[in-house]
Amino acid sequence: MPELTLDTETLQGLVDTTDTEFVGELITTFMADTPPLIAQLRQALAAGDAGTFRRAAHSLKSNGASLGAMEFSSQARALEMLGKAGTITDAAAGVDQLTVEYERARVALEAWQHAA
């Protein structure tokens, strides 16, 4: 359910400090930037590159949190911690889970945009 995926208070706080159009631009950027960052996670995982994996996960975590996609952000944080620890060999399932949560967040953000 989208309402469980998205902390709408976070989005409303952004609207209150900026405006709806700007928040829409942030959402559009999130949707454009996330698939390549998830692909970067997969590439870093395949290459055993924990540093790149950590940086991509960190970006995803921050981007998700700023828009209220808290479960997405939490999952990205867990992946970031694996990258920081250098233990990414078994992270494929986590990346798959993050991809599913991204889709949920994307749907919820689109619904929020249409309602705003």
PDB file of N, CA and C in Angstrom:
ATOM      1  N   MET A   1       0.836  -1.190   0.000  1.00  0.00           N
ATOM      2  CA  MET A   1       0.000   0.000   0.000  1.00  0.00           C
ATOM      3  C   MET A   1       0.879   1.251   0.000  1.00  0.00           C
ATOM      4  N   PRO A   2       0.634   2.164  -0.917  1.00  0.00           N
ATOM      5  CA  PRO A   2       1.465   3.352  -1.007  1.00  0.00           C
ATOM      6  C   PRO A   2       1.530   4.166   0.282  1.00  0.00           C
ATOM      7  N   GLU A   3       0.416   4.269   1.006  1.00  0.00           N
ATOM      8  CA  GLU A   3       0.434   5.113   2.202  1.00  0.00           C
ATOM      9  C   GLU A   3       1.392   4.580   3.266  1.00  0.00           C
ATOM     10  N   LEU A   4       1.678   3.282   3.263  1.00  0.00           N
ATOM     11  CA  LEU A   4       2.621   2.715   4.213  1.00  0.00           C
ATOM     12  C   LEU A   4       4.062   2.890   3.738  1.00  0.00           C
ATOM     13  N   THR A   5       4.230   3.088   2.454  1.00  0.00           N
ATOM     14  CA  THR A   5       5.542   3.216   1.846  1.00  0.00           C
ATOM     15  C   THR A   5       6.094   4.625   1.989  1.00  0.00           C
ATOM     16  N   LEU A   6       5.213   5.587   2.131  1.00  0.00           N
ATOM     17  CA  LEU A   6       5.599   6.987   2.049  1.00  0.00           C
ATOM     18  C   LEU A   6       5.196   7.750   3.307  1.00  0.00           C
ATOM     19  N   ASP A   7       6.146   8.487   3.860  1.00  0.00           N
ATOM     20  CA  ASP A   7       5.848   9.379   4.982  1.00  0.00           C
ATOM     21  C   ASP A   7       5.436  10.718   4.380  1.00  0.00           C
ATOM     22  N   THR A   8       4.140  10.913   4.257  1.00  0.00           N
ATOM     23  CA  THR A   8       3.643  12.125   3.604  1.00  0.00           C
ATOM     24  C   THR A   8       3.939  13.383   4.412  1.00  0.00           C
ATOM     25  N   GLU A   9       4.179  13.243   5.712  1.00  0.00           N
ATOM     26  CA  GLU A   9       4.565  14.418   6.513  1.00  0.00           C
ATOM     27  C   GLU A   9       5.907  14.972   6.053  1.00  0.00           C
ATOM     28  N   THR A  10       6.810  14.090   5.652  1.00  0.00           N
ATOM     29  CA  THR A  10       8.102  14.543   5.123  1.00  0.00           C
ATOM     30  C   THR A  10       7.882  15.352   3.853  1.00  0.00           C
ATOM     31  N   LEU A  11       7.054  14.834   2.964  1.00  0.00           N
ATOM     32  CA  LEU A  11       6.757  15.568   1.728  1.00  0.00           C
ATOM     33  C   LEU A  11       6.081  16.896   2.016  1.00  0.00           C
ATOM     34  N   GLN A  12       5.129  16.887   2.950  1.00  0.00           N
ATOM     35  CA  GLN A  12       4.443  18.131   3.284  1.00  0.00           C
ATOM     36  C   GLN A  12       5.415  19.144   3.881  1.00  0.00           C
ATOM     37  N   GLY A  13       6.359  18.673   4.669  1.00  0.00           N
ATOM     38  CA  GLY A  13       7.385  19.571   5.215  1.00  0.00           C
ATOM     39  C   GLY A  13       8.209  20.207   4.112  1.00  0.00           C
ATOM     40  N   LEU A  14       8.528  19.431   3.067  1.00  0.00           N
ATOM     41  CA  LEU A  14       9.254  19.993   1.925  1.00  0.00           C
ATOM     42  C   LEU A  14       8.414  21.035   1.204  1.00  0.00           C
ATOM     43  N   VAL A  15       7.140  20.727   1.020  1.00  0.00           N
ATOM     44  CA  VAL A  15       6.236  21.687   0.366  1.00  0.00           C
ATOM     45  C   VAL A  15       6.157  22.965   1.189  1.00  0.00           C
ATOM     46  N   ASP A  16       6.054  22.823   2.506  1.00  0.00           N
ATOM     47  CA  ASP A  16       5.942  23.989   3.378  1.00  0.00           C
ATOM     48  C   ASP A  16       7.175  24.880   3.330  1.00  0.00           C
ATOM     49  N   THR A  17       8.353  24.280   3.137  1.00  0.00           N
ATOM     50  CA  THR A  17       9.587  25.073   3.112  1.00  0.00           C
ATOM     51  C   THR A  17       9.987  25.495   1.701  1.00  0.00           C
ATOM     52  N   THR A  18       9.392  24.866   0.683  1.00  0.00           N
ATOM     53  CA  THR A  18       9.678  25.249  -0.707  1.00  0.00           C
ATOM     54  C   THR A  18       8.334  25.484  -1.393  1.00  0.00           C
ATOM     55  N   ASP A  19       7.964  24.618  -2.315  1.00  0.00           N
ATOM     56  CA  ASP A  19       6.631  24.637  -2.931  1.00  0.00           C
ATOM     57  C   ASP A  19       6.398  23.314  -3.633  1.00  0.00           C
ATOM     58  N   THR A  20       5.168  23.081  -4.043  1.00  0.00           N
ATOM     59  CA  THR A  20       4.785  21.809  -4.652  1.00  0.00           C
ATOM     60  C   THR A  20       5.558  21.542  -5.937  1.00  0.00           C
ATOM     61  N   GLU A  21       5.777  22.579  -6.731  1.00  0.00           N
ATOM     62  CA  GLU A  21       6.502  22.403  -7.996  1.00  0.00           C
ATOM     63  C   GLU A  21       7.924  21.912  -7.745  1.00  0.00           C
ATOM     64  N   PHE A  22       8.601  22.493  -6.767  1.00  0.00           N
ATOM     65  CA  PHE A  22       9.964  22.084  -6.451  1.00  0.00           C
ATOM     66  C   PHE A  22       9.995  20.641  -5.965  1.00  0.00           C
ATOM     67  N   VAL A  23       9.052  20.269  -5.121  1.00  0.00           N
ATOM     68  CA  VAL A  23       8.988  18.891  -4.622  1.00  0.00           C
ATOM     69  C   VAL A  23       8.731  17.936  -5.790  1.00  0.00           C
ATOM     70  N   GLY A  24       7.904  18.349  -6.731  1.00  0.00           N
ATOM     71  CA  GLY A  24       7.684  17.551  -7.940  1.00  0.00           C
ATOM     72  C   GLY A  24       8.969  17.334  -8.712  1.00  0.00           C
ATOM     73  N   GLU A  25       9.792  18.378  -8.794  1.00  0.00           N
ATOM     74  CA  GLU A  25      11.093  18.252  -9.466  1.00  0.00           C
ATOM     75  C   GLU A  25      11.998  17.272  -8.719  1.00  0.00           C
ATOM     76  N   LEU A  26      11.971  17.325  -7.378  1.00  0.00           N
ATOM     77  CA  LEU A  26      12.766  16.383  -6.582  1.00  0.00           C
ATOM     78  C   LEU A  26      12.316  14.948  -6.832  1.00  0.00           C
ATOM     79  N   ILE A  27      11.020  14.751  -6.909  1.00  0.00           N
ATOM     80  CA  ILE A  27      10.479  13.412  -7.163  1.00  0.00           C
ATOM     81  C   ILE A  27      10.905  12.924  -8.543  1.00  0.00           C
ATOM     82  N   THR A  28      10.814  13.792  -9.522  1.00  0.00           N
ATOM     83  CA  THR A  28      11.229  13.435 -10.884  1.00  0.00           C
ATOM     84  C   THR A  28      12.707  13.059 -10.912  1.00  0.00           C
ATOM     85  N   THR A  29      13.521  13.810 -10.209  1.00  0.00           N
ATOM     86  CA  THR A  29      14.947  13.515 -10.143  1.00  0.00           C
ATOM     87  C   THR A  29      15.191  12.176  -9.453  1.00  0.00           C
ATOM     88  N   PHE A  30      14.474  11.926  -8.358  1.00  0.00           N
ATOM     89  CA  PHE A  30      14.587  10.650  -7.646  1.00  0.00           C
ATOM     90  C   PHE A  30      14.268   9.492  -8.585  1.00  0.00           C
ATOM     91  N   MET A  31      13.199   9.640  -9.357  1.00  0.00           N
ATOM     92  CA  MET A  31      12.789   8.573 -10.269  1.00  0.00           C
ATOM     93  C   MET A  31      13.792   8.373 -11.406  1.00  0.00           C
ATOM     94  N   ALA A  32      14.438   9.442 -11.818  1.00  0.00           N
ATOM     95  CA  ALA A  32      15.435   9.337 -12.879  1.00  0.00           C
ATOM     96  C   ALA A  32      16.760   8.776 -12.362  1.00  0.00           C
ATOM     97  N   ASP A  33      17.133   9.153 -11.147  1.00  0.00           N
ATOM     98  CA  ASP A  33      18.440   8.766 -10.602  1.00  0.00           C
ATOM     99  C   ASP A  33      18.472   7.376  -9.978  1.00  0.00           C
ATOM    100  N   THR A  34      17.341   6.906  -9.483  1.00  0.00           N
ATOM    101  CA  THR A  34      17.349   5.656  -8.725  1.00  0.00           C
ATOM    102  C   THR A  34      17.671   4.418  -9.562  1.00  0.00           C
ATOM    103  N   PRO A  35      17.036   4.191 -10.714  1.00  0.00           N
ATOM    104  CA  PRO A  35      17.385   2.979 -11.475  1.00  0.00           C
ATOM    105  C   PRO A  35      18.875   2.876 -11.829  1.00  0.00           C
ATOM    106  N   PRO A  36      19.537   3.968 -12.272  1.00  0.00           N
ATOM    107  CA  PRO A  36      20.973   3.846 -12.529  1.00  0.00           C
ATOM    108  C   PRO A  36      21.791   3.559 -11.256  1.00  0.00           C
ATOM    109  N   LEU A  37      21.359   4.101 -10.118  1.00  0.00           N
ATOM    110  CA  LEU A  37      22.074   3.821  -8.874  1.00  0.00           C
ATOM    111  C   LEU A  37      21.889   2.364  -8.447  1.00  0.00           C
ATOM    112  N   ILE A  38      20.694   1.822  -8.667  1.00  0.00           N
ATOM    113  CA  ILE A  38      20.482   0.405  -8.365  1.00  0.00           C
ATOM    114  C   ILE A  38      21.334  -0.451  -9.311  1.00  0.00           C
ATOM    115  N   ALA A  39      21.423  -0.054 -10.568  1.00  0.00           N
ATOM    116  CA  ALA A  39      22.290  -0.768 -11.519  1.00  0.00           C
ATOM    117  C   ALA A  39      23.746  -0.693 -11.062  1.00  0.00           C
ATOM    118  N   GLN A  40      24.135   0.451 -10.520  1.00  0.00           N
ATOM    119  CA  GLN A  40      25.497   0.605 -10.007  1.00  0.00           C
ATOM    120  C   GLN A  40      25.733  -0.337  -8.822  1.00  0.00           C
ATOM    121  N   LEU A  41      24.717  -0.511  -7.971  1.00  0.00           N
ATOM    122  CA  LEU A  41      24.824  -1.483  -6.874  1.00  0.00           C
ATOM    123  C   LEU A  41      25.092  -2.872  -7.434  1.00  0.00           C
ATOM    124  N   ARG A  42      24.333  -3.263  -8.443  1.00  0.00           N
ATOM    125  CA  ARG A  42      24.482  -4.593  -9.035  1.00  0.00           C
ATOM    126  C   ARG A  42      25.865  -4.768  -9.662  1.00  0.00           C
ATOM    127  N   GLN A  43      26.332  -3.735 -10.361  1.00  0.00           N
ATOM    128  CA  GLN A  43      27.662  -3.798 -10.985  1.00  0.00           C
ATOM    129  C   GLN A  43      28.755  -3.892  -9.924  1.00  0.00           C
ATOM    130  N   ALA A  44      28.629  -3.101  -8.875  1.00  0.00           N
ATOM    131  CA  ALA A  44      29.631  -3.131  -7.803  1.00  0.00           C
ATOM    132  C   ALA A  44      29.606  -4.481  -7.096  1.00  0.00           C
ATOM    133  N   LEU A  45      28.432  -5.036  -6.924  1.00  0.00           N
ATOM    134  CA  LEU A  45      28.299  -6.350  -6.303  1.00  0.00           C
ATOM    135  C   LEU A  45      29.007  -7.402  -7.160  1.00  0.00           C
ATOM    136  N   ALA A  46      28.758  -7.368  -8.460  1.00  0.00           N
ATOM    137  CA  ALA A  46      29.386  -8.326  -9.377  1.00  0.00           C
ATOM    138  C   ALA A  46      30.909  -8.186  -9.386  1.00  0.00           C
ATOM    139  N   ALA A  47      31.384  -6.950  -9.229  1.00  0.00           N
ATOM    140  CA  ALA A  47      32.829  -6.690  -9.247  1.00  0.00           C
ATOM    141  C   ALA A  47      33.467  -6.847  -7.873  1.00  0.00           C
ATOM    142  N   GLY A  48      32.652  -7.040  -6.848  1.00  0.00           N
ATOM    143  CA  GLY A  48      33.192  -7.115  -5.488  1.00  0.00           C
ATOM    144  C   GLY A  48      33.739  -5.782  -4.996  1.00  0.00           C
ATOM    145  N   ASP A  49      33.180  -4.686  -5.504  1.00  0.00           N
ATOM    146  CA  ASP A  49      33.654  -3.338  -5.176  1.00  0.00           C
ATOM    147  C   ASP A  49      32.797  -2.749  -4.047  1.00  0.00           C
ATOM    148  N   ALA A  50      33.218  -3.014  -2.820  1.00  0.00           N
ATOM    149  CA  ALA A  50      32.445  -2.580  -1.649  1.00  0.00           C
ATOM    150  C   ALA A  50      32.360  -1.059  -1.546  1.00  0.00           C
ATOM    151  N   GLY A  51      33.400  -0.345  -1.951  1.00  0.00           N
ATOM    152  CA  GLY A  51      33.399   1.115  -1.858  1.00  0.00           C
ATOM    153  C   GLY A  51      32.348   1.743  -2.756  1.00  0.00           C
ATOM    154  N   THR A  52      32.293   1.322  -4.001  1.00  0.00           N
ATOM    155  CA  THR A  52      31.289   1.835  -4.934  1.00  0.00           C
ATOM    156  C   THR A  52      29.897   1.420  -4.478  1.00  0.00           C
ATOM    157  N   PHE A  53      29.770   0.194  -3.995  1.00  0.00           N
ATOM    158  CA  PHE A  53      28.504  -0.307  -3.476  1.00  0.00           C
ATOM    159  C   PHE A  53      28.022   0.582  -2.333  1.00  0.00           C
ATOM    160  N   ARG A  54      28.908   0.897  -1.408  1.00  0.00           N
ATOM    161  CA  ARG A  54      28.558   1.734  -0.256  1.00  0.00           C
ATOM    162  C   ARG A  54      28.111   3.122  -0.706  1.00  0.00           C
ATOM    163  N   ARG A  55      28.849   3.728  -1.619  1.00  0.00           N
ATOM    164  CA  ARG A  55      28.518   5.086  -2.079  1.00  0.00           C
ATOM    165  C   ARG A  55      27.158   5.125  -2.781  1.00  0.00           C
ATOM    166  N   ALA A  56      26.884   4.143  -3.620  1.00  0.00           N
ATOM    167  CA  ALA A  56      25.589   4.101  -4.310  1.00  0.00           C
ATOM    168  C   ALA A  56      24.464   3.902  -3.295  1.00  0.00           C
ATOM    169  N   ALA A  57      24.665   2.993  -2.349  1.00  0.00           N
ATOM    170  CA  ALA A  57      23.643   2.746  -1.322  1.00  0.00           C
ATOM    171  C   ALA A  57      23.424   3.996  -0.472  1.00  0.00           C
ATOM    172  N   HIS A  58      24.502   4.715  -0.164  1.00  0.00           N
ATOM    173  CA  HIS A  58      24.383   5.949   0.619  1.00  0.00           C
ATOM    174  C   HIS A  58      23.524   6.980  -0.124  1.00  0.00           C
ATOM    175  N   SER A  59      23.775   7.144  -1.412  1.00  0.00           N
ATOM    176  CA  SER A  59      22.986   8.090  -2.206  1.00  0.00           C
ATOM    177  C   SER A  59      21.518   7.697  -2.215  1.00  0.00           C
ATOM    178  N   LEU A  60      21.257   6.415  -2.406  1.00  0.00           N
ATOM    179  CA  LEU A  60      19.876   5.930  -2.411  1.00  0.00           C
ATOM    180  C   LEU A  60      19.211   6.165  -1.068  1.00  0.00           C
ATOM    181  N   LYS A  61      19.928   5.905   0.003  1.00  0.00           N
ATOM    182  CA  LYS A  61      19.400   6.104   1.353  1.00  0.00           C
ATOM    183  C   LYS A  61      19.002   7.560   1.557  1.00  0.00           C
ATOM    184  N   SER A  62      19.897   8.457   1.239  1.00  0.00           N
ATOM    185  CA  SER A  62      19.644   9.889   1.443  1.00  0.00           C
ATOM    186  C   SER A  62      18.515  10.401   0.559  1.00  0.00           C
ATOM    187  N   ASN A  63      18.528   9.999  -0.702  1.00  0.00           N
ATOM    188  CA  ASN A  63      17.498  10.449  -1.635  1.00  0.00           C
ATOM    189  C   ASN A  63      16.119   9.972  -1.198  1.00  0.00           C
ATOM    190  N   GLY A  64      16.037   8.722  -0.786  1.00  0.00           N
ATOM    191  CA  GLY A  64      14.756   8.182  -0.343  1.00  0.00           C
ATOM    192  C   GLY A  64      14.245   8.871   0.907  1.00  0.00           C
ATOM    193  N   ALA A  65      15.134   9.066   1.871  1.00  0.00           N
ATOM    194  CA  ALA A  65      14.731   9.693   3.137  1.00  0.00           C
ATOM    195  C   ALA A  65      14.239  11.122   2.914  1.00  0.00           C
ATOM    196  N   SER A  66      14.875  11.845   2.013  1.00  0.00           N
ATOM    197  CA  SER A  66      14.493  13.239   1.794  1.00  0.00           C
ATOM    198  C   SER A  66      13.077  13.363   1.244  1.00  0.00           C
ATOM    199  N   LEU A  67      12.576  12.290   0.598  1.00  0.00           N
ATOM    200  CA  LEU A  67      11.223  12.320   0.037  1.00  0.00           C
ATOM    201  C   LEU A  67      10.229  11.514   0.855  1.00  0.00           C
ATOM    202  N   GLY A  68      10.656  11.009   1.986  1.00  0.00           N
ATOM    203  CA  GLY A  68       9.735  10.268   2.846  1.00  0.00           C
ATOM    204  C   GLY A  68       9.580   8.805   2.490  1.00  0.00           C
ATOM    205  N   ALA A  69      10.432   8.288   1.613  1.00  0.00           N
ATOM    206  CA  ALA A  69      10.400   6.859   1.265  1.00  0.00           C
ATOM    207  C   ALA A  69      11.226   6.122   2.313  1.00  0.00           C
ATOM    208  N   MET A  70      10.665   6.002   3.501  1.00  0.00           N
ATOM    209  CA  MET A  70      11.436   5.566   4.662  1.00  0.00           C
ATOM    210  C   MET A  70      11.835   4.095   4.619  1.00  0.00           C
ATOM    211  N   GLU A  71      10.982   3.214   4.144  1.00  0.00           N
ATOM    212  CA  GLU A  71      11.354   1.799   4.047  1.00  0.00           C
ATOM    213  C   GLU A  71      12.446   1.619   3.005  1.00  0.00           C
ATOM    214  N   PHE A  72      12.315   2.311   1.882  1.00  0.00           N
ATOM    215  CA  PHE A  72      13.349   2.295   0.851  1.00  0.00           C
ATOM    216  C   PHE A  72      14.665   2.772   1.437  1.00  0.00           C
ATOM    217  N   SER A  73      14.616   3.886   2.148  1.00  0.00           N
ATOM    218  CA  SER A  73      15.813   4.456   2.764  1.00  0.00           C
ATOM    219  C   SER A  73      16.428   3.491   3.776  1.00  0.00           C
ATOM    220  N   SER A  74      15.592   2.842   4.562  1.00  0.00           N
ATOM    221  CA  SER A  74      16.070   1.893   5.561  1.00  0.00           C
ATOM    222  C   SER A  74      16.775   0.706   4.903  1.00  0.00           C
ATOM    223  N   GLN A  75      16.204   0.209   3.829  1.00  0.00           N
ATOM    224  CA  GLN A  75      16.834  -0.905   3.123  1.00  0.00           C
ATOM    225  C   GLN A  75      18.156  -0.479   2.491  1.00  0.00           C
ATOM    226  N   ALA A  76      18.190   0.731   1.937  1.00  0.00           N
ATOM    227  CA  ALA A  76      19.436   1.241   1.358  1.00  0.00           C
ATOM    228  C   ALA A  76      20.492   1.422   2.444  1.00  0.00           C
ATOM    229  N   ARG A  77      20.073   1.848   3.627  1.00  0.00           N
ATOM    230  CA  ARG A  77      21.012   2.015   4.743  1.00  0.00           C
ATOM    231  C   ARG A  77      21.626   0.669   5.122  1.00  0.00           C
ATOM    232  N   ALA A  78      20.821  -0.372   5.158  1.00  0.00           N
ATOM    233  CA  ALA A  78      21.345  -1.706   5.479  1.00  0.00           C
ATOM    234  C   ALA A  78      22.396  -2.129   4.449  1.00  0.00           C
ATOM    235  N   LEU A  79      22.134  -1.836   3.180  1.00  0.00           N
ATOM    236  CA  LEU A  79      23.115  -2.153   2.137  1.00  0.00           C
ATOM    237  C   LEU A  79      24.365  -1.298   2.288  1.00  0.00           C
ATOM    238  N   GLU A  80      24.175  -0.038   2.637  1.00  0.00           N
ATOM    239  CA  GLU A  80      25.316   0.852   2.858  1.00  0.00           C
ATOM    240  C   GLU A  80      26.221   0.286   3.956  1.00  0.00           C
ATOM    241  N   MET A  81      25.624  -0.216   5.014  1.00  0.00           N
ATOM    242  CA  MET A  81      26.400  -0.775   6.126  1.00  0.00           C
ATOM    243  C   MET A  81      27.166  -2.025   5.689  1.00  0.00           C
ATOM    244  N   LEU A  82      26.574  -2.823   4.810  1.00  0.00           N
ATOM    245  CA  LEU A  82      27.303  -3.976   4.267  1.00  0.00           C
ATOM    246  C   LEU A  82      28.521  -3.504   3.472  1.00  0.00           C
ATOM    247  N   GLY A  83      28.315  -2.478   2.658  1.00  0.00           N
ATOM    248  CA  GLY A  83      29.430  -1.923   1.888  1.00  0.00           C
ATOM    249  C   GLY A  83      30.510  -1.365   2.787  1.00  0.00           C
ATOM    250  N   LYS A  84      30.104  -0.686   3.836  1.00  0.00           N
ATOM    251  CA  LYS A  84      31.075  -0.110   4.778  1.00  0.00           C
ATOM    252  C   LYS A  84      31.879  -1.208   5.452  1.00  0.00           C
ATOM    253  N   ALA A  85      31.212  -2.321   5.765  1.00  0.00           N
ATOM    254  CA  ALA A  85      31.894  -3.446   6.410  1.00  0.00           C
ATOM    255  C   ALA A  85      32.674  -4.291   5.407  1.00  0.00           C
ATOM    256  N   GLY A  86      32.447  -4.042   4.118  1.00  0.00           N
ATOM    257  CA  GLY A  86      33.139  -4.813   3.091  1.00  0.00           C
ATOM    258  C   GLY A  86      32.574  -6.215   2.915  1.00  0.00           C
ATOM    259  N   THR A  87      31.335  -6.418   3.348  1.00  0.00           N
ATOM    260  CA  THR A  87      30.724  -7.752   3.296  1.00  0.00           C
ATOM    261  C   THR A  87      29.531  -7.764   2.343  1.00  0.00           C
ATOM    262  N   ILE A  88      29.803  -7.562   1.059  1.00  0.00           N
ATOM    263  CA  ILE A  88      28.720  -7.446   0.093  1.00  0.00           C
ATOM    264  C   ILE A  88      28.463  -8.734  -0.682  1.00  0.00           C
ATOM    265  N   THR A  89      29.217  -9.778  -0.466  1.00  0.00           N
ATOM    266  CA  THR A  89      29.085 -10.990  -1.277  1.00  0.00           C
ATOM    267  C   THR A  89      27.682 -11.577  -1.256  1.00  0.00           C
ATOM    268  N   ASP A  90      26.976 -11.457  -0.164  1.00  0.00           N
ATOM    269  CA  ASP A  90      25.625 -12.009  -0.066  1.00  0.00           C
ATOM    270  C   ASP A  90      24.540 -10.930  -0.123  1.00  0.00           C
ATOM    271  N   ALA A  91      24.836  -9.820  -0.783  1.00  0.00           N
ATOM    272  CA  ALA A  91      23.906  -8.685  -0.784  1.00  0.00           C
ATOM    273  C   ALA A  91      22.919  -8.697  -1.947  1.00  0.00           C
ATOM    274  N   ALA A  92      22.984  -9.673  -2.826  1.00  0.00           N
ATOM    275  CA  ALA A  92      22.103  -9.681  -4.007  1.00  0.00           C
ATOM    276  C   ALA A  92      20.624  -9.669  -3.618  1.00  0.00           C
ATOM    277  N   ALA A  93      20.251 -10.447  -2.617  1.00  0.00           N
ATOM    278  CA  ALA A  93      18.847 -10.479  -2.196  1.00  0.00           C
ATOM    279  C   ALA A  93      18.418  -9.113  -1.662  1.00  0.00           C
ATOM    280  N   GLY A  94      19.316  -8.441  -0.960  1.00  0.00           N
ATOM    281  CA  GLY A  94      19.015  -7.111  -0.453  1.00  0.00           C
ATOM    282  C   GLY A  94      18.816  -6.106  -1.572  1.00  0.00           C
ATOM    283  N   VAL A  95      19.614  -6.220  -2.623  1.00  0.00           N
ATOM    284  CA  VAL A  95      19.460  -5.326  -3.782  1.00  0.00           C
ATOM    285  C   VAL A  95      18.127  -5.618  -4.478  1.00  0.00           C
ATOM    286  N   ASP A  96      17.770  -6.897  -4.578  1.00  0.00           N
ATOM    287  CA  ASP A  96      16.480  -7.255  -5.171  1.00  0.00           C
ATOM    288  C   ASP A  96      15.327  -6.678  -4.349  1.00  0.00           C
ATOM    289  N   GLN A  97      15.444  -6.779  -3.045  1.00  0.00           N
ATOM    290  CA  GLN A  97      14.417  -6.256  -2.139  1.00  0.00           C
ATOM    291  C   GLN A  97      14.317  -4.728  -2.279  1.00  0.00           C
ATOM    292  N   LEU A  98      15.467  -4.073  -2.388  1.00  0.00           N
ATOM    293  CA  LEU A  98      15.488  -2.618  -2.560  1.00  0.00           C
ATOM    294  C   LEU A  98      14.799  -2.231  -3.869  1.00  0.00           C
ATOM    295  N   THR A  99      15.007  -3.021  -4.909  1.00  0.00           N
ATOM    296  CA  THR A  99      14.383  -2.752  -6.202  1.00  0.00           C
ATOM    297  C   THR A  99      12.860  -2.829  -6.093  1.00  0.00           C
ATOM    298  N   VAL A 100      12.358  -3.824  -5.377  1.00  0.00           N
ATOM    299  CA  VAL A 100      10.917  -3.958  -5.159  1.00  0.00           C
ATOM    300  C   VAL A 100      10.399  -2.757  -4.369  1.00  0.00           C
ATOM    301  N   GLU A 101      11.137  -2.366  -3.338  1.00  0.00           N
ATOM    302  CA  GLU A 101      10.695  -1.230  -2.521  1.00  0.00           C
ATOM    303  C   GLU A 101      10.757   0.070  -3.316  1.00  0.00           C
ATOM    304  N   TYR A 102      11.711   0.196  -4.227  1.00  0.00           N
ATOM    305  CA  TYR A 102      11.751   1.374  -5.088  1.00  0.00           C
ATOM    306  C   TYR A 102      10.459   1.467  -5.903  1.00  0.00           C
ATOM    307  N   GLU A 103      10.016   0.345  -6.456  1.00  0.00           N
ATOM    308  CA  GLU A 103       8.786   0.361  -7.243  1.00  0.00           C
ATOM    309  C   GLU A 103       7.606   0.797  -6.387  1.00  0.00           C
ATOM    310  N   ARG A 104       7.553   0.318  -5.172  1.00  0.00           N
ATOM    311  CA  ARG A 104       6.479   0.723  -4.258  1.00  0.00           C
ATOM    312  C   ARG A 104       6.565   2.229  -3.980  1.00  0.00           C
ATOM    313  N   ALA A 105       7.769   2.717  -3.731  1.00  0.00           N
ATOM    314  CA  ALA A 105       7.963   4.144  -3.456  1.00  0.00           C
ATOM    315  C   ALA A 105       7.610   4.981  -4.681  1.00  0.00           C
ATOM    316  N   ARG A 106       8.010   4.501  -5.853  1.00  0.00           N
ATOM    317  CA  ARG A 106       7.727   5.232  -7.088  1.00  0.00           C
ATOM    318  C   ARG A 106       6.216   5.386  -7.279  1.00  0.00           C
ATOM    319  N   VAL A 107       5.485   4.301  -7.093  1.00  0.00           N
ATOM    320  CA  VAL A 107       4.027   4.344  -7.240  1.00  0.00           C
ATOM    321  C   VAL A 107       3.421   5.316  -6.220  1.00  0.00           C
ATOM    322  N   ALA A 108       3.894   5.247  -4.989  1.00  0.00           N
ATOM    323  CA  ALA A 108       3.374   6.126  -3.932  1.00  0.00           C
ATOM    324  C   ALA A 108       3.692   7.587  -4.230  1.00  0.00           C
ATOM    325  N   LEU A 109       4.892   7.868  -4.712  1.00  0.00           N
ATOM    326  CA  LEU A 109       5.273   9.243  -5.037  1.00  0.00           C
ATOM    327  C   LEU A 109       4.458   9.768  -6.217  1.00  0.00           C
ATOM    328  N   GLU A 110       4.229   8.922  -7.209  1.00  0.00           N
ATOM    329  CA  GLU A 110       3.399   9.347  -8.345  1.00  0.00           C
ATOM    330  C   GLU A 110       1.977   9.651  -7.883  1.00  0.00           C
ATOM    331  N   ALA A 111       1.448   8.809  -7.009  1.00  0.00           N
ATOM    332  CA  ALA A 111       0.103   9.044  -6.475  1.00  0.00           C
ATOM    333  C   ALA A 111       0.059  10.350  -5.693  1.00  0.00           C
ATOM    334  N   TRP A 112       1.091  10.618  -4.913  1.00  0.00           N
ATOM    335  CA  TRP A 112       1.156  11.864  -4.143  1.00  0.00           C
ATOM    336  C   TRP A 112       1.193  13.055  -5.095  1.00  0.00           C
ATOM    337  N   GLN A 113       1.999  12.951  -6.144  1.00  0.00           N
ATOM    338  CA  GLN A 113       2.094  14.046  -7.118  1.00  0.00           C
ATOM    339  C   GLN A 113       0.737  14.346  -7.754  1.00  0.00           C
ATOM    340  N   HIS A 114       0.012  13.301  -8.126  1.00  0.00           N
ATOM    341  CA  HIS A 114      -1.279  13.508  -8.782  1.00  0.00           C
ATOM    342  C   HIS A 114      -2.307  14.093  -7.833  1.00  0.00           C
ATOM    343  N   ALA A 115      -2.153  13.811  -6.532  1.00  0.00           N
ATOM    344  CA  ALA A 115      -3.088  14.334  -5.547  1.00  0.00           C
ATOM    345  C   ALA A 115      -2.732  15.749  -5.096  1.00  0.00           C
ATOM    346  N   ALA A 116      -1.457  16.120  -5.249  1.00  0.00           N
ATOM    347  CA  ALA A 116      -0.982  17.423  -4.752  1.00  0.00           C
ATOM    348  C   ALA A 116      -1.480  18.579  -5.588  1.00  0.00           C
TER     349      ALA A 116
END
